[in-house]
Amino acid sequence: MFLSPDTISLSEAQIDRALTISQRESIEAQQWQLYLNTLAQMGIENWLQKRAPELRMLSDRSLEPCQLRIGNFRVHLIATDELGADEVAISQSAIESTFTPHLYVLVEVLEELGQIQIRSAIEQAQLVEQVRSIQADGETYWLNTELFDANPDRLLLWLRCLDADAMPTVAPTASRSSIANTVTQSAINVGLWLNDRLDQLAQEFAWILLPAPTPSLEMRSMRSPNEEFNRVLHQLTQQGRINALPQARGGYRDFQCEDALLRLYAMTWKAATDSEWTLLLVLGAQPGATLPIGTQLQVRDAEQVLAEPVLHDRTQDYLFTQVIGTDAERFWVSIGFQNGATLTLPPFTFIDDAT
């Protein structure tokens, strides 16, 4: 079920401190949970010092031990001692808290061994979307652990590479209907690109809209992003791999992850008489950089992986794929690296009548 959990040891002083803190509660069950939460928090701090010393936990006495601030991120720890369970409990109060975390992180506490294992994580908006589809057991929701991203390296990647201010979250006081709307809106609507517009999420994630494409073979050594994308489109068109419509529009964004300087292009189009739309994705390197061997570009819908090309040799300078969806269908794009780290971007959707 889980992949390569990170196991972190706790010192005797930390365990004694957690025991002392747990005595603040008068009910035995609450004492135990506070004890687990405190051990999980201490373990996370040890983990950051070991794996990413540049990431700092910020002290905030107003927060519970299960609530952390790591840089600009708000993180809620789900601490459990039920090792390897298929489901994990999360309270309604943890979901509706005004703390509004960006991420929920599942931590298993091996109390007898004085260790914790960082198991997996999930974005807040995705967790809320899952909660909408299940029935609460009193004030508790039971979530399948397979819903969580089971790679601790990915959590580090999120904390290092993503912009916390741009990560979509659902307001804790939202009703179920408004939660549904908020989660639906937590996708980049490329349908607006055809009208020369970027939605708020695309702007927050630094997408830049390109002029209408004019595929051409530009031979200059230094090309603008638009010229570079047109060169790629020319190659793909000549190879018969794409047949974009004249009204297609694209955009790009630059980012750095795992020491790689990446540039992701996206382009969309839709036939006037067709209810389906196309999303073309091209992943390359920024000028002066190279795409690392083993880089993977994965696209999936709500049910399955649709494409996952991988860079196998230096003769390739970019990865590309295209997928076709129906109106309002969403596609998730992930970029993976040879060491197993993966970065998942906000999903793409196509909505004609968005305003």
Protein backbone atom coordinates (compact mmCIF):
# COMPACT_ATOMS: atom_id res chain seq x y z
CA MET A 1 0.00 0.00 0.00
CA PHE A 2 2.70 2.47 0.97
CA LEU A 3 5.91 3.31 -0.87
CA SER A 4 9.24 3.90 0.87
CA PRO A 5 8.05 5.51 4.12
CA ASP A 6 10.63 7.73 5.80
CA THR A 7 11.39 6.40 9.29
CA ILE A 8 12.65 8.95 11.81
CA SER A 9 13.93 8.20 15.32
CA LEU A 10 12.94 10.24 18.36
CA SER A 11 15.21 10.99 21.31
CA GLU A 12 14.33 9.95 24.85
CA ALA A 13 14.07 13.62 25.76
CA GLN A 14 11.48 14.16 23.02
CA ILE A 15 9.44 11.16 24.17
CA ASP A 16 9.52 12.37 27.79
CA ARG A 17 8.48 15.83 26.65
CA ALA A 18 5.55 14.38 24.69
CA LEU A 19 4.43 12.44 27.77
CA THR A 20 4.49 15.62 29.84
CA ILE A 21 2.48 17.54 27.24
CA SER A 22 -0.11 14.76 27.02
CA GLN A 23 -0.99 15.24 30.68
CA ARG A 24 -2.70 18.50 29.79
CA GLU A 25 -5.74 16.44 28.83
CA SER A 26 -7.87 14.77 31.52
CA ILE A 27 -9.48 12.05 29.40
CA GLU A 28 -7.27 9.04 28.65
CA ALA A 29 -8.18 8.80 24.95
CA GLN A 30 -7.46 12.49 24.46
CA GLN A 31 -4.16 12.13 26.33
CA TRP A 32 -3.11 9.35 23.96
CA GLN A 33 -3.99 11.31 20.83
CA LEU A 34 -2.17 14.40 22.12
CA TYR A 35 0.83 12.17 22.84
CA LEU A 36 0.76 10.81 19.27
CA ASN A 37 0.30 14.28 17.79
CA THR A 38 3.26 15.65 19.75
CA LEU A 39 5.52 12.76 18.75
CA ALA A 40 4.47 13.23 15.12
CA GLN A 41 5.31 16.94 15.27
CA MET A 42 8.72 16.27 16.80
CA GLY A 43 9.39 13.58 14.22
CA ILE A 44 8.50 15.92 11.35
CA GLU A 45 10.93 18.48 12.74
CA ASN A 46 13.68 15.81 12.89
CA TRP A 47 12.81 14.77 9.34
CA LEU A 48 13.12 18.30 7.99
CA GLN A 49 16.47 18.78 9.73
CA LYS A 50 17.70 15.57 8.10
CA ARG A 51 16.18 15.81 4.62
CA ALA A 52 15.65 19.53 3.99
CA PRO A 53 17.42 21.77 6.51
CA GLU A 54 16.52 24.81 4.42
CA LEU A 55 12.84 24.25 5.31
CA ARG A 56 12.00 25.59 8.76
CA MET A 57 9.12 24.88 11.09
CA LEU A 58 7.89 28.18 12.48
CA SER A 59 6.97 28.40 16.15
CA ASP A 60 3.37 29.37 16.86
CA ARG A 61 2.07 28.74 20.38
CA SER A 62 -1.52 29.33 19.25
CA LEU A 63 -1.48 26.11 17.20
CA GLU A 64 -2.21 22.54 18.26
CA PRO A 65 0.64 19.98 18.00
CA CYS A 66 -1.03 18.56 14.87
CA GLN A 67 -0.92 21.99 13.18
CA LEU A 68 2.39 23.12 11.69
CA ARG A 69 3.76 26.05 9.74
CA ILE A 70 6.57 25.03 7.42
CA GLY A 71 7.77 28.10 5.60
CA ASN A 72 4.62 29.57 4.05
CA PHE A 73 2.75 26.25 4.18
CA ARG A 74 0.13 25.26 6.74
CA VAL A 75 0.28 21.52 7.43
CA HIS A 76 -2.11 19.33 9.44
CA LEU A 77 -0.68 16.06 10.78
CA ILE A 78 -2.88 12.99 10.93
CA ALA A 79 -1.08 10.94 13.58
CA THR A 80 -2.03 7.28 13.99
CA ASP A 81 -0.64 4.20 15.74
CA GLU A 82 -2.70 1.78 13.61
CA LEU A 83 0.14 0.58 11.43
CA GLY A 84 -0.71 -0.30 7.84
CA ALA A 85 -4.44 0.39 8.21
CA ASP A 86 -6.51 0.68 5.03
CA GLU A 87 -8.43 3.63 6.45
CA VAL A 88 -7.52 6.58 8.62
CA ALA A 89 -9.82 8.68 10.79
CA ILE A 90 -9.99 12.45 10.47
CA SER A 91 -12.30 14.54 12.59
CA GLN A 92 -14.82 16.98 11.22
CA SER A 93 -13.16 19.71 13.31
CA ALA A 94 -9.82 19.04 11.55
CA ILE A 95 -11.52 19.67 8.20
CA GLU A 96 -13.51 22.73 9.28
CA SER A 97 -10.71 24.33 11.32
CA THR A 98 -10.00 27.99 10.58
CA PHE A 99 -6.33 26.94 10.36
CA THR A 100 -7.16 25.79 6.78
CA PRO A 101 -4.05 23.72 6.00
CA HIS A 102 -2.58 23.49 2.53
CA LEU A 103 -1.63 19.85 3.12
CA TYR A 104 -2.67 16.93 5.33
CA VAL A 105 0.19 14.56 6.15
CA LEU A 106 -0.33 11.01 7.42
CA VAL A 107 2.21 10.02 10.09
CA GLU A 108 2.36 6.59 11.75
CA VAL A 109 3.79 6.59 15.26
CA LEU A 110 5.79 3.52 16.29
CA GLU A 111 5.61 4.44 19.96
CA GLU A 112 7.35 1.35 21.34
CA LEU A 113 10.29 1.86 18.98
CA GLY A 114 10.50 5.60 19.54
CA GLN A 115 10.04 6.26 15.82
CA ILE A 116 7.64 7.83 13.36
CA GLN A 117 7.06 6.99 9.72
CA ILE A 118 6.01 9.69 7.29
CA ARG A 119 3.62 7.81 5.09
CA SER A 120 1.78 10.08 2.70
CA ALA A 121 0.13 13.44 2.03
CA ILE A 122 -2.88 14.96 0.31
CA GLU A 123 -3.76 18.50 -0.72
CA GLN A 124 -6.56 20.13 1.26
CA ALA A 125 -8.83 20.74 -1.74
CA GLN A 126 -8.51 17.09 -2.79
CA LEU A 127 -9.27 15.87 0.73
CA VAL A 128 -12.41 18.03 0.91
CA GLU A 129 -13.52 16.70 -2.46
CA GLN A 130 -13.22 13.14 -1.11
CA VAL A 131 -15.06 14.01 2.11
CA ARG A 132 -18.02 15.21 0.05
CA SER A 133 -18.54 11.67 -1.27
CA ILE A 134 -18.55 9.76 2.03
CA GLN A 135 -20.80 9.64 5.09
CA ALA A 136 -19.43 10.80 8.43
CA ASP A 137 -19.38 8.38 11.36
CA GLY A 138 -20.62 10.82 13.98
CA GLU A 139 -18.02 13.60 13.82
CA THR A 140 -15.39 11.43 12.14
CA TYR A 141 -14.64 10.69 8.50
CA TRP A 142 -12.84 7.50 7.50
CA LEU A 143 -10.65 7.99 4.45
CA ASN A 144 -9.04 5.25 2.38
CA THR A 145 -5.27 5.67 2.70
CA GLU A 146 -4.91 5.00 -1.04
CA LEU A 147 -6.30 8.49 -1.62
CA PHE A 148 -3.08 9.94 -0.18
CA ASP A 149 0.13 10.38 -2.19
CA ALA A 150 2.31 7.62 -0.74
CA ASN A 151 5.72 9.08 -1.63
CA PRO A 152 7.34 11.19 1.14
CA ASP A 153 9.76 12.65 -1.41
CA ARG A 154 6.78 14.22 -3.13
CA LEU A 155 5.88 16.04 0.08
CA LEU A 156 9.38 17.51 0.14
CA LEU A 157 9.01 18.50 -3.50
CA TRP A 158 5.74 20.30 -2.76
CA LEU A 159 7.26 22.16 0.17
CA ARG A 160 10.31 23.15 -1.88
CA CYS A 161 8.78 23.93 -5.26
CA LEU A 162 5.16 24.98 -4.93
CA ASP A 163 3.93 28.45 -4.07
CA ALA A 164 1.82 28.14 -0.92
CA ASP A 165 -0.12 31.30 -1.72
CA ALA A 166 -1.13 29.86 -5.08
CA MET A 167 -2.22 26.44 -3.78
CA PRO A 168 -6.04 26.31 -3.84
CA THR A 169 -7.79 25.72 -0.51
CA VAL A 170 -11.45 25.47 0.41
CA ALA A 171 -12.84 27.90 2.98
CA PRO A 172 -13.51 26.02 6.26
CA THR A 173 -16.96 27.57 6.66
CA ALA A 174 -18.10 26.62 3.15
CA SER A 175 -21.35 24.69 2.79
CA ARG A 176 -21.36 21.45 0.86
CA SER A 177 -22.64 23.18 -2.28
CA SER A 178 -20.06 25.95 -2.10
CA ILE A 179 -17.34 23.38 -1.39
CA ALA A 180 -18.35 21.59 -4.59
CA ASN A 181 -18.08 24.82 -6.56
CA THR A 182 -14.73 25.74 -5.02
CA VAL A 183 -13.19 22.36 -5.75
CA THR A 184 -14.48 22.43 -9.33
CA GLN A 185 -12.95 25.85 -9.77
CA SER A 186 -9.57 24.60 -8.49
CA ALA A 187 -8.51 23.81 -12.04
CA ILE A 188 -6.99 25.87 -14.82
CA ASN A 189 -9.70 26.59 -17.39
CA VAL A 190 -7.91 26.52 -20.73
CA GLY A 191 -11.22 27.24 -22.42
CA LEU A 192 -10.59 30.89 -21.55
CA TRP A 193 -7.31 30.82 -23.49
CA LEU A 194 -9.24 30.81 -26.76
CA ASN A 195 -10.60 34.23 -25.74
CA ASP A 196 -7.14 35.52 -24.82
CA ARG A 197 -7.82 35.24 -21.09
CA LEU A 198 -6.20 33.54 -18.08
CA ASP A 199 -8.24 32.60 -15.03
CA GLN A 200 -7.05 33.48 -11.53
CA LEU A 201 -5.49 30.07 -10.86
CA ALA A 202 -3.44 30.19 -14.06
CA GLN A 203 -2.23 33.66 -13.14
CA GLU A 204 -1.33 32.57 -9.61
CA PHE A 205 0.73 29.69 -11.01
CA ALA A 206 2.57 32.08 -13.37
CA TRP A 207 1.20 30.80 -16.67
CA ILE A 208 1.92 33.15 -19.58
CA LEU A 209 -0.42 33.17 -22.57
CA LEU A 210 1.30 32.95 -25.96
CA PRO A 211 0.19 34.52 -29.25
CA ALA A 212 -1.75 32.38 -31.71
CA PRO A 213 0.63 29.63 -32.91
CA THR A 214 2.31 29.86 -36.30
CA PRO A 215 4.34 26.64 -36.63
CA SER A 216 7.70 27.44 -38.19
CA LEU A 217 11.29 26.19 -38.20
CA GLU A 218 13.26 28.97 -36.52
CA MET A 219 17.02 28.37 -36.65
CA ARG A 220 18.26 31.13 -34.34
CA SER A 221 20.27 29.95 -31.33
CA MET A 222 18.40 32.22 -28.92
CA ARG A 223 14.65 32.01 -29.31
CA SER A 224 11.77 33.54 -27.38
CA PRO A 225 9.33 31.10 -25.70
CA ASN A 226 6.87 31.75 -28.52
CA GLU A 227 9.49 31.03 -31.20
CA GLU A 228 10.64 27.89 -29.40
CA PHE A 229 7.09 26.58 -29.09
CA ASN A 230 6.42 27.31 -32.77
CA ARG A 231 9.57 25.33 -33.64
CA VAL A 232 8.28 22.35 -31.65
CA LEU A 233 4.85 22.65 -33.25
CA HIS A 234 6.48 22.67 -36.69
CA GLN A 235 8.36 19.46 -35.90
CA LEU A 236 5.27 17.71 -34.52
CA THR A 237 3.16 18.83 -37.49
CA GLN A 238 5.78 17.67 -40.00
CA GLN A 239 5.94 14.31 -38.26
CA GLY A 240 2.15 14.00 -38.48
CA ARG A 241 1.79 13.79 -34.72
CA ILE A 242 -0.59 16.73 -34.30
CA ASN A 243 -3.09 18.57 -36.42
CA ALA A 244 -3.99 21.65 -34.38
CA LEU A 245 -6.86 23.87 -35.45
CA PRO A 246 -6.14 27.51 -36.44
CA GLN A 247 -7.90 28.86 -33.33
CA ALA A 248 -5.67 26.87 -30.95
CA ARG A 249 -4.03 28.85 -28.14
CA GLY A 250 -1.20 27.99 -25.81
CA GLY A 251 0.69 29.16 -22.77
CA TYR A 252 3.77 28.25 -20.77
CA ARG A 253 5.28 28.41 -17.30
CA ASP A 254 8.85 28.08 -16.00
CA PHE A 255 9.77 26.40 -12.73
CA GLN A 256 12.66 24.72 -10.96
CA CYS A 257 12.45 21.34 -9.24
CA GLU A 258 15.10 18.78 -8.28
CA ASP A 259 17.75 21.20 -9.62
CA ALA A 260 16.12 21.01 -13.06
CA LEU A 261 15.11 24.22 -14.87
CA LEU A 262 11.94 23.25 -16.67
CA ARG A 263 9.53 24.86 -19.09
CA LEU A 264 6.06 23.39 -19.66
CA TYR A 265 3.98 24.41 -22.68
CA ALA A 266 0.26 23.68 -22.96
CA MET A 267 -2.01 24.28 -25.94
CA THR A 268 -5.70 23.63 -26.45
CA TRP A 269 -8.24 23.67 -29.27
CA LYS A 270 -11.77 22.53 -29.96
CA ALA A 271 -13.74 21.99 -33.16
CA ALA A 272 -16.81 24.18 -33.42
CA THR A 273 -19.09 21.17 -33.96
CA ASP A 274 -17.42 18.90 -31.44
CA SER A 275 -18.05 18.50 -27.72
CA GLU A 276 -14.50 17.25 -27.20
CA TRP A 277 -11.39 19.35 -26.65
CA THR A 278 -7.69 18.62 -27.02
CA LEU A 279 -4.86 19.39 -24.60
CA LEU A 280 -1.31 19.29 -25.99
CA LEU A 281 1.57 19.32 -23.48
CA VAL A 282 5.25 19.86 -24.26
CA LEU A 283 7.88 19.63 -21.50
CA GLY A 284 11.36 20.94 -22.14
CA ALA A 285 14.18 22.80 -20.41
CA GLN A 286 14.69 26.51 -19.98
CA PRO A 287 17.38 28.15 -22.18
CA GLY A 288 20.86 26.98 -21.23
CA ALA A 289 19.56 23.92 -19.34
CA THR A 290 18.81 20.32 -20.32
CA LEU A 291 15.96 17.99 -19.49
CA PRO A 292 17.29 15.30 -17.08
CA ILE A 293 17.38 11.69 -18.27
CA GLY A 294 14.49 9.77 -16.74
CA THR A 295 12.14 12.75 -16.61
CA GLN A 296 8.54 11.62 -17.04
CA LEU A 297 5.48 13.58 -18.16
CA GLN A 298 2.34 11.87 -16.89
CA VAL A 299 -1.27 12.80 -17.67
CA ARG A 300 -4.26 11.16 -16.00
CA ASP A 301 -7.97 11.71 -15.72
CA ALA A 302 -10.18 10.90 -12.74
CA GLU A 303 -9.92 7.17 -13.41
CA GLN A 304 -6.60 6.23 -14.99
CA VAL A 305 -3.23 7.24 -16.41
CA LEU A 306 -3.65 8.29 -20.04
CA ALA A 307 -0.04 8.94 -21.08
CA GLU A 308 3.41 8.92 -19.48
CA PRO A 309 6.27 9.51 -21.93
CA VAL A 310 9.79 9.29 -20.46
CA LEU A 311 13.04 10.92 -21.61
CA HIS A 312 15.43 8.03 -22.34
CA ASP A 313 18.38 9.66 -24.11
CA ARG A 314 20.03 12.99 -24.88
CA THR A 315 18.79 13.01 -28.48
CA GLN A 316 15.44 14.16 -27.11
CA ASP A 317 15.13 17.76 -25.99
CA TYR A 318 11.49 17.65 -24.99
CA LEU A 319 8.60 15.32 -24.08
CA PHE A 320 5.16 15.73 -25.56
CA THR A 321 1.71 14.17 -25.31
CA GLN A 322 -1.86 15.10 -26.14
CA VAL A 323 -5.16 13.95 -24.67
CA ILE A 324 -8.79 14.49 -25.63
CA GLY A 325 -11.54 15.18 -23.12
CA THR A 326 -15.22 16.02 -22.97
CA ASP A 327 -16.55 19.36 -21.73
CA ALA A 328 -15.43 20.18 -18.16
CA GLU A 329 -13.39 16.94 -17.87
CA ARG A 330 -10.18 17.46 -15.91
CA PHE A 331 -6.64 16.24 -16.58
CA TRP A 332 -3.91 16.07 -13.93
CA VAL A 333 -0.32 16.56 -15.08
CA SER A 334 2.64 15.22 -13.10
CA ILE A 335 6.36 15.60 -13.75
CA GLY A 336 8.48 12.78 -12.36
CA PHE A 337 12.22 12.41 -11.92
CA GLN A 338 14.58 9.44 -11.92
CA ASN A 339 14.96 9.52 -8.12
CA GLY A 340 11.22 8.94 -7.70
CA ALA A 341 10.25 12.52 -6.85
CA THR A 342 7.10 13.78 -8.58
CA LEU A 343 5.40 17.17 -8.83
CA THR A 344 1.66 17.29 -9.61
CA LEU A 345 0.28 20.51 -11.07
CA PRO A 346 -3.24 21.91 -10.72
CA PRO A 347 -5.55 20.11 -13.17
CA PHE A 348 -6.62 21.46 -16.55
CA THR A 349 -10.22 21.72 -17.66
CA PHE A 350 -12.14 23.27 -20.56
CA ILE A 351 -15.32 25.23 -19.84
CA ASP A 352 -16.83 27.23 -22.70
CA ASP A 353 -19.19 29.46 -20.77
CA ALA A 354 -16.84 30.44 -17.88
CA THR A 355 -16.82 34.14 -17.10
